[in-house]
């Protein structure tokens, strides 16, 4: 890996986590996307997509709520893909190495969240002074520069120096330790799928989950064909449920004449 390629990896990490206005895309943070970009940087986009997709399985149920960051999936995707391409690792081994790196990457997130409070107080002072034009500096420019300073350099250095030592690491772990990494990497995607199933396996979705499992295992269809079948079933389900909801009789939908008493002396049949 060259210095320029390492720098591009650092810039990719910054784009994924830096929240840069009009530039940063949250989807770049996904290991599938940043792994593909890293693969393009290193000249092997196919391996980058495969490794990134494997790492992405662990983070299918990833949620960052209340400012917490359980893991840095962007760093895991970038470094895991870079090490896999440079060190000629299989996807499972790269996954076992990438996940701990993602946990280590939370240091960057919490450091950023902690020190960004300085810019919040700076904005308060500008508002008190009536200098509203300076809010762009305190709320946009300075936080972006700070996030770049703490994300580009560490990711680039980790990609460059880590890749140079990955071959020695593979040689050192040859044999049983490497098989252990492969087994651990093969089990980790099940964790991400299990977390996702916690949100799917509820209510009426249980039936569709079992039907989809049977179709996937017994039909012999490809993933694209299975996706098309799932889309058609979803559209059919929405149409049927909408028709059932609109055709249900309302509680007050009876004729008003049914409530009139014919024996009433004030009843006038001409009013009907």
Foldseek 3Di string as FASTA:
>chain_A
DDLVLLLVLLVLLCLCPVPAPPGRDVVSQQLLNVLLVSCVSVVHNVLSNVLSVLLNLLCLLPDQPPLDHQWRSSLLSNQLSLLCVLQVNDSLLSNLVSRVVRNVVCVLSVVLVVVLVVLVVVCVVCVVVVVNVCNCCSVHVVSSVVSSVSRSVVSSVCSVVVSVCSNVVCVVCPDPNSVVSSVVSVCSSVNSVVSVVVVQCDDPSVVVVVVLVCCVPPVPDDPVVSVVVVVVVVVVVVVVVVVVVVPDDDPPPDDPVVPDDPPDPPDDPVVD
